[in-house]
N, C-alpha and C. Protein backbone atom coordinates (compact mmCIF):
# COMPACT_ATOMS: atom_id res chain seq x y z
N MET A 1 162.48 216.85 202.01
CA MET A 1 162.41 215.48 201.56
C MET A 1 161.48 215.40 200.36
N SER A 2 161.90 214.71 199.36
CA SER A 2 161.14 214.55 198.13
C SER A 2 160.50 213.17 198.11
N ARG A 3 159.22 213.11 197.74
CA ARG A 3 158.52 211.84 197.67
C ARG A 3 157.85 211.72 196.31
N CYS A 4 157.99 210.58 195.67
CA CYS A 4 157.47 210.36 194.32
C CYS A 4 156.00 209.91 194.38
N PHE A 5 155.15 210.63 193.63
CA PHE A 5 153.73 210.33 193.56
C PHE A 5 153.28 210.28 192.11
N ARG A 6 152.23 209.54 191.87
CA ARG A 6 151.47 209.64 190.64
C ARG A 6 150.18 210.36 191.01
N MET A 7 149.89 211.43 190.29
CA MET A 7 148.64 212.16 190.50
C MET A 7 147.78 211.97 189.26
N GLU A 8 146.58 211.48 189.48
CA GLU A 8 145.59 211.38 188.42
C GLU A 8 144.51 212.41 188.73
N VAL A 9 144.27 213.28 187.77
CA VAL A 9 143.36 214.40 187.98
C VAL A 9 142.25 214.35 186.94
N LYS A 10 141.03 214.53 187.42
CA LYS A 10 139.88 214.64 186.52
C LYS A 10 139.17 215.96 186.84
N VAL A 11 139.01 216.79 185.82
CA VAL A 11 138.30 218.06 185.96
C VAL A 11 137.11 218.01 185.02
N SER A 12 135.93 218.28 185.54
CA SER A 12 134.73 218.26 184.71
C SER A 12 133.80 219.41 185.10
N LYS A 13 132.83 219.65 184.23
CA LYS A 13 131.84 220.73 184.41
C LYS A 13 132.53 222.08 184.53
N PHE A 14 133.58 222.29 183.73
CA PHE A 14 134.32 223.55 183.73
C PHE A 14 133.84 224.45 182.59
N ASN A 15 134.19 225.72 182.68
CA ASN A 15 133.86 226.69 181.65
C ASN A 15 134.78 226.44 180.45
N PRO A 16 134.24 226.06 179.30
CA PRO A 16 135.11 225.78 178.15
C PRO A 16 135.98 226.96 177.74
N LYS A 17 135.53 228.17 178.02
CA LYS A 17 136.33 229.36 177.70
C LYS A 17 137.57 229.44 178.57
N ARG A 18 137.59 228.74 179.68
CA ARG A 18 138.71 228.76 180.61
C ARG A 18 139.59 227.51 180.50
N TYR A 19 139.36 226.69 179.50
CA TYR A 19 140.08 225.43 179.36
C TYR A 19 141.59 225.63 179.33
N LYS A 20 142.07 226.57 178.54
CA LYS A 20 143.51 226.81 178.43
C LYS A 20 144.08 227.25 179.78
N ASP A 21 143.35 228.11 180.50
CA ASP A 21 143.81 228.55 181.82
C ASP A 21 143.93 227.37 182.79
N ILE A 22 142.96 226.47 182.74
CA ILE A 22 142.99 225.29 183.60
C ILE A 22 144.19 224.41 183.23
N CYS A 23 144.39 224.20 181.94
CA CYS A 23 145.54 223.39 181.48
C CYS A 23 146.85 224.01 181.95
N ASP A 24 146.98 225.34 181.83
CA ASP A 24 148.21 226.01 182.25
C ASP A 24 148.48 225.81 183.74
N VAL A 25 147.43 225.92 184.55
CA VAL A 25 147.59 225.72 186.00
C VAL A 25 148.06 224.30 186.29
N LEU A 26 147.42 223.33 185.67
CA LEU A 26 147.79 221.93 185.92
C LEU A 26 149.23 221.65 185.49
N LEU A 27 149.62 222.17 184.34
CA LEU A 27 150.99 221.96 183.86
C LEU A 27 152.02 222.62 184.77
N ASN A 28 151.67 223.77 185.33
CA ASN A 28 152.60 224.48 186.22
C ASN A 28 152.72 223.84 187.59
N MET A 29 151.68 223.14 188.02
CA MET A 29 151.68 222.60 189.38
C MET A 29 152.20 221.18 189.49
N TRP A 30 152.19 220.41 188.39
CA TRP A 30 152.58 219.01 188.49
C TRP A 30 153.22 218.59 187.18
N GLY A 31 153.87 217.45 187.19
CA GLY A 31 154.60 216.96 186.03
C GLY A 31 153.73 216.26 185.00
N PHE A 32 152.63 216.90 184.60
CA PHE A 32 151.80 216.33 183.55
C PHE A 32 152.46 216.58 182.20
N ASP A 33 152.24 215.68 181.27
CA ASP A 33 152.81 215.80 179.94
C ASP A 33 151.91 216.70 179.09
N PRO A 34 152.43 217.81 178.58
CA PRO A 34 151.61 218.71 177.74
C PRO A 34 151.04 218.00 176.51
N LEU A 35 151.68 216.94 176.07
CA LEU A 35 151.18 216.21 174.90
C LEU A 35 149.89 215.45 175.21
N ASP A 36 149.59 215.25 176.50
CA ASP A 36 148.36 214.57 176.88
C ASP A 36 147.14 215.50 176.80
N MET A 37 147.38 216.79 176.63
CA MET A 37 146.29 217.76 176.54
C MET A 37 145.98 218.06 175.09
N PRO A 38 144.69 218.09 174.76
CA PRO A 38 144.35 218.40 173.37
C PRO A 38 144.92 219.76 172.97
N GLY A 39 145.38 219.86 171.72
CA GLY A 39 145.95 221.10 171.21
C GLY A 39 144.89 222.13 170.89
N LYS A 40 145.32 223.29 170.43
CA LYS A 40 144.41 224.39 170.13
C LYS A 40 143.40 224.04 169.05
N LYS A 41 143.75 223.15 168.14
CA LYS A 41 142.86 222.79 167.05
C LYS A 41 141.79 221.80 167.48
N ASP A 42 142.01 221.14 168.58
CA ASP A 42 141.06 220.13 169.05
C ASP A 42 139.87 220.78 169.73
N LYS A 43 138.77 220.11 169.70
CA LYS A 43 137.58 220.54 170.41
C LYS A 43 137.83 220.40 171.92
N VAL A 44 137.34 221.35 172.69
CA VAL A 44 137.51 221.29 174.14
C VAL A 44 136.71 220.11 174.68
N PRO A 45 137.35 219.23 175.44
CA PRO A 45 136.64 218.05 175.96
C PRO A 45 135.69 218.43 177.10
N LYS A 46 134.74 217.54 177.37
CA LYS A 46 133.83 217.76 178.51
C LYS A 46 134.52 217.46 179.83
N GLU A 47 135.51 216.57 179.79
CA GLU A 47 136.31 216.23 180.97
C GLU A 47 137.77 216.30 180.59
N LEU A 48 138.56 216.77 181.53
CA LEU A 48 140.00 216.78 181.36
C LEU A 48 140.57 215.74 182.32
N ILE A 49 141.21 214.72 181.78
CA ILE A 49 141.76 213.65 182.60
C ILE A 49 143.25 213.54 182.31
N LEU A 50 144.06 213.71 183.35
CA LEU A 50 145.51 213.68 183.21
C LEU A 50 146.12 212.80 184.29
N SER A 51 147.27 212.26 183.99
CA SER A 51 148.02 211.48 184.95
C SER A 51 149.49 211.81 184.76
N GLY A 52 150.21 211.95 185.87
CA GLY A 52 151.63 212.22 185.76
C GLY A 52 152.35 211.90 187.06
N GLU A 53 153.62 211.56 186.92
CA GLU A 53 154.46 211.27 188.07
C GLU A 53 155.43 212.42 188.29
N ASP A 54 155.61 212.77 189.56
CA ASP A 54 156.52 213.85 189.91
C ASP A 54 156.85 213.70 191.39
N ASN A 55 157.71 214.57 191.87
CA ASN A 55 158.09 214.55 193.28
C ASN A 55 157.35 215.63 194.04
N LEU A 56 156.78 215.24 195.16
CA LEU A 56 156.11 216.18 196.06
C LEU A 56 157.18 216.68 197.02
N THR A 57 157.43 217.98 196.99
CA THR A 57 158.50 218.56 197.80
C THR A 57 157.93 219.65 198.72
N GLY A 58 158.80 220.26 199.47
CA GLY A 58 158.41 221.38 200.31
C GLY A 58 157.67 221.01 201.57
N GLY A 59 157.66 219.74 201.92
CA GLY A 59 157.02 219.33 203.16
C GLY A 59 155.51 219.22 203.08
N LYS A 60 154.93 219.41 201.90
CA LYS A 60 153.48 219.29 201.76
C LYS A 60 153.08 217.83 201.71
N SER A 61 151.92 217.55 202.30
CA SER A 61 151.34 216.23 202.17
C SER A 61 150.59 216.16 200.84
N ASP A 62 150.24 214.95 200.43
CA ASP A 62 149.45 214.84 199.21
C ASP A 62 148.07 215.45 199.39
N ASP A 63 147.53 215.42 200.62
CA ASP A 63 146.25 216.08 200.89
C ASP A 63 146.36 217.59 200.68
N GLU A 64 147.42 218.19 201.21
CA GLU A 64 147.62 219.64 201.04
C GLU A 64 147.82 220.00 199.58
N PHE A 65 148.62 219.21 198.87
CA PHE A 65 148.83 219.47 197.47
C PHE A 65 147.52 219.36 196.68
N ALA A 66 146.74 218.32 196.96
CA ALA A 66 145.47 218.12 196.26
C ALA A 66 144.53 219.30 196.50
N ASN A 67 144.48 219.80 197.74
CA ASN A 67 143.66 220.99 198.04
C ASN A 67 144.15 222.18 197.25
N ASP A 68 145.45 222.43 197.24
CA ASP A 68 146.01 223.55 196.49
C ASP A 68 145.68 223.43 195.00
N LEU A 69 145.78 222.23 194.46
CA LEU A 69 145.51 222.01 193.05
C LEU A 69 144.04 222.29 192.74
N ALA A 70 143.13 221.78 193.55
CA ALA A 70 141.69 222.02 193.33
C ALA A 70 141.38 223.51 193.38
N GLN A 71 141.95 224.21 194.36
CA GLN A 71 141.69 225.65 194.50
C GLN A 71 142.26 226.43 193.31
N ALA A 72 143.41 226.03 192.82
CA ALA A 72 144.00 226.70 191.65
C ALA A 72 143.15 226.46 190.41
N VAL A 73 142.59 225.26 190.27
CA VAL A 73 141.69 224.97 189.13
C VAL A 73 140.43 225.82 189.25
N TRP A 74 139.84 225.91 190.44
CA TRP A 74 138.65 226.75 190.62
C TRP A 74 138.94 228.19 190.24
N LYS A 75 140.11 228.68 190.66
CA LYS A 75 140.48 230.06 190.35
C LYS A 75 140.62 230.24 188.84
N ALA A 76 141.29 229.32 188.20
CA ALA A 76 141.47 229.41 186.74
C ALA A 76 140.13 229.31 186.01
N ASN A 77 139.21 228.53 186.55
CA ASN A 77 137.90 228.36 185.94
C ASN A 77 136.98 229.54 186.20
N GLY A 78 137.23 230.28 187.27
CA GLY A 78 136.40 231.43 187.60
C GLY A 78 135.13 231.07 188.35
N ARG A 79 134.93 229.80 188.59
CA ARG A 79 133.76 229.32 189.34
C ARG A 79 133.98 227.84 189.67
N TYR A 80 133.04 227.28 190.40
CA TYR A 80 133.16 225.87 190.79
C TYR A 80 133.16 224.96 189.57
N CYS A 81 133.98 223.95 189.64
CA CYS A 81 133.93 222.82 188.71
C CYS A 81 134.35 221.60 189.52
N GLU A 82 134.01 220.44 189.02
CA GLU A 82 134.36 219.22 189.74
C GLU A 82 135.83 218.88 189.53
N VAL A 83 136.51 218.58 190.63
CA VAL A 83 137.92 218.21 190.60
C VAL A 83 138.08 216.95 191.44
N GLU A 84 138.74 215.96 190.86
CA GLU A 84 139.06 214.74 191.60
C GLU A 84 140.54 214.48 191.42
N VAL A 85 141.21 214.19 192.54
CA VAL A 85 142.64 213.88 192.50
C VAL A 85 142.85 212.52 193.16
N ILE A 86 143.47 211.62 192.44
CA ILE A 86 143.86 210.33 193.01
C ILE A 86 145.38 210.36 193.13
N SER A 87 145.86 210.31 194.36
CA SER A 87 147.31 210.36 194.58
C SER A 87 147.79 208.97 194.99
N THR A 88 148.87 208.55 194.36
CA THR A 88 149.46 207.24 194.67
C THR A 88 150.93 207.45 195.01
N TYR A 89 151.27 207.10 196.23
CA TYR A 89 152.67 207.19 196.68
C TYR A 89 153.41 206.02 196.07
N LEU A 90 154.41 206.30 195.24
CA LEU A 90 155.07 205.26 194.46
C LEU A 90 156.22 204.57 195.17
N GLU A 91 156.59 205.05 196.34
CA GLU A 91 157.73 204.46 197.03
C GLU A 91 157.33 203.38 198.03
N VAL A 92 156.03 203.23 198.25
CA VAL A 92 155.50 202.20 199.15
C VAL A 92 154.20 201.70 198.54
N THR A 93 153.91 200.43 198.69
CA THR A 93 152.67 199.89 198.15
C THR A 93 151.77 199.44 199.28
N PRO A 94 150.41 199.63 199.27
CA PRO A 94 149.76 200.68 198.51
C PRO A 94 150.30 202.03 198.97
N PRO A 95 149.84 203.07 199.48
CA PRO A 95 148.44 203.49 199.46
C PRO A 95 148.12 204.44 198.31
N SER A 96 146.86 204.55 198.02
CA SER A 96 146.34 205.59 197.13
C SER A 96 145.25 206.31 197.90
N ASP A 97 145.15 207.60 197.69
CA ASP A 97 144.09 208.40 198.28
C ASP A 97 143.31 209.05 197.15
N ILE A 98 142.00 209.15 197.32
CA ILE A 98 141.15 209.85 196.37
C ILE A 98 140.63 211.10 197.07
N HIS A 99 140.79 212.25 196.42
CA HIS A 99 140.37 213.53 196.99
C HIS A 99 139.28 214.10 196.09
N THR A 100 138.12 214.39 196.66
CA THR A 100 137.05 215.05 195.91
C THR A 100 136.50 216.18 196.76
N TRP A 101 135.90 217.16 196.11
CA TRP A 101 135.35 218.32 196.80
C TRP A 101 133.94 218.56 196.32
N THR A 102 133.12 219.08 197.20
CA THR A 102 131.74 219.38 196.86
C THR A 102 131.59 220.86 196.54
N LYS A 103 130.44 221.22 196.04
CA LYS A 103 130.17 222.63 195.78
C LYS A 103 130.20 223.41 197.11
N GLY A 104 129.83 222.76 198.20
CA GLY A 104 129.92 223.39 199.52
C GLY A 104 131.35 223.73 199.90
N ASP A 105 132.30 222.85 199.59
CA ASP A 105 133.71 223.13 199.83
C ASP A 105 134.14 224.36 199.02
N TYR A 106 133.69 224.41 197.77
CA TYR A 106 134.02 225.56 196.92
C TYR A 106 133.43 226.84 197.51
N GLN A 107 132.17 226.80 197.94
CA GLN A 107 131.53 227.99 198.51
C GLN A 107 132.28 228.47 199.75
N GLU A 108 132.71 227.54 200.59
CA GLU A 108 133.46 227.89 201.79
C GLU A 108 134.79 228.54 201.42
N TRP A 109 135.47 227.97 200.44
CA TRP A 109 136.75 228.54 199.98
C TRP A 109 136.53 229.90 199.35
N LEU A 110 135.51 230.02 198.52
CA LEU A 110 135.24 231.27 197.82
C LEU A 110 134.90 232.39 198.80
N ALA A 111 134.21 232.06 199.88
CA ALA A 111 133.82 233.07 200.86
C ALA A 111 135.03 233.77 201.48
N THR A 112 136.14 233.08 201.54
CA THR A 112 137.33 233.69 202.14
C THR A 112 138.32 234.20 201.09
N ASN A 113 137.99 234.08 199.80
CA ASN A 113 138.91 234.45 198.73
C ASN A 113 138.20 235.15 197.57
N ARG A 114 137.25 236.00 197.85
CA ARG A 114 136.41 236.59 196.81
C ARG A 114 137.01 237.88 196.26
N GLU A 115 137.06 237.95 194.93
CA GLU A 115 137.37 239.17 194.19
C GLU A 115 136.52 239.13 192.93
N ILE A 116 135.94 240.24 192.55
CA ILE A 116 135.23 240.31 191.28
C ILE A 116 136.10 241.17 190.37
N THR A 117 136.87 240.51 189.47
CA THR A 117 137.82 241.27 188.67
C THR A 117 137.86 240.89 187.21
N ASN A 118 137.27 239.78 186.80
CA ASN A 118 137.46 239.38 185.42
C ASN A 118 136.35 239.88 184.52
N ALA A 119 136.55 239.76 183.23
CA ALA A 119 135.62 240.28 182.24
C ALA A 119 134.27 239.57 182.29
N ASP A 120 134.24 238.34 182.73
CA ASP A 120 132.98 237.60 182.80
C ASP A 120 132.16 237.96 184.05
N ASN A 121 132.71 238.84 184.89
CA ASN A 121 132.09 239.18 186.17
C ASN A 121 131.83 237.95 187.01
N GLN A 122 132.76 237.04 187.00
CA GLN A 122 132.67 235.81 187.78
C GLN A 122 133.48 236.02 189.06
N ASP A 123 133.15 235.24 190.06
CA ASP A 123 133.93 235.28 191.29
C ASP A 123 135.28 234.65 191.02
N VAL A 124 136.34 235.41 191.27
CA VAL A 124 137.69 234.91 191.02
C VAL A 124 138.53 235.16 192.25
N PRO A 125 139.08 234.13 192.87
CA PRO A 125 139.95 234.32 194.02
C PRO A 125 141.32 234.83 193.60
N ARG A 126 142.15 235.11 194.58
CA ARG A 126 143.49 235.62 194.33
C ARG A 126 144.27 234.75 193.36
N SER A 127 145.24 235.37 192.70
CA SER A 127 145.98 234.66 191.66
C SER A 127 147.09 233.80 192.24
N ILE A 128 147.62 232.92 191.36
CA ILE A 128 148.80 232.16 191.70
C ILE A 128 149.96 232.71 190.90
N ASP A 129 151.16 232.47 191.34
CA ASP A 129 152.32 233.00 190.63
C ASP A 129 152.66 232.12 189.43
N ASN A 130 153.59 232.58 188.62
CA ASN A 130 153.95 231.89 187.39
C ASN A 130 154.65 230.57 187.62
N HIS A 131 155.06 230.30 188.82
CA HIS A 131 155.75 229.05 189.11
C HIS A 131 154.78 227.96 189.53
N GLY A 132 153.49 228.28 189.55
CA GLY A 132 152.50 227.27 189.89
C GLY A 132 152.33 227.06 191.37
N GLU A 133 152.98 227.86 192.18
CA GLU A 133 152.82 227.73 193.62
C GLU A 133 151.60 228.55 194.02
N SER A 134 150.56 227.89 194.49
CA SER A 134 149.36 228.62 194.89
C SER A 134 149.56 229.22 196.27
N GLU A 135 148.86 230.33 196.49
CA GLU A 135 148.88 230.91 197.83
C GLU A 135 148.15 229.93 198.73
N ARG A 136 148.47 229.93 199.99
CA ARG A 136 147.76 229.06 200.90
C ARG A 136 146.36 229.63 201.08
N LEU A 137 145.40 229.01 200.45
CA LEU A 137 144.02 229.46 200.47
C LEU A 137 143.18 228.43 201.22
N GLY A 138 143.54 228.14 202.44
CA GLY A 138 142.96 227.05 203.20
C GLY A 138 141.45 227.06 203.23
N ILE A 139 140.90 225.87 203.16
CA ILE A 139 139.44 225.72 203.27
C ILE A 139 139.12 225.52 204.73
């Protein structure tokens, strides 16, 4: 069953060197418009704020999707950064849910998904595939 949602995502306190990786993950996981992201010539922003509508499929709840998205952003960033997801189910009015995670949530997730493999010697969890489907990395 497919359900239409609007996802508003705010990512802040991220590694500017990983900005493109974070953008790629977000574009692969949800129907965000690539034109909403600053181009290569633009200065990397302090916060990345995106909104997009798409269908949530595969039997996942918006909570599960939001967790997967936050974990994929952390992986792309190579360390903790702030992630906030506001999900709005568009087929019924209201509800909207706001999902936020603490550094403690990140530490708990990282403890079960640790690999030291990148050039920055940062903690990097397992990768996601090119289709944007993250591995189930439950917190």
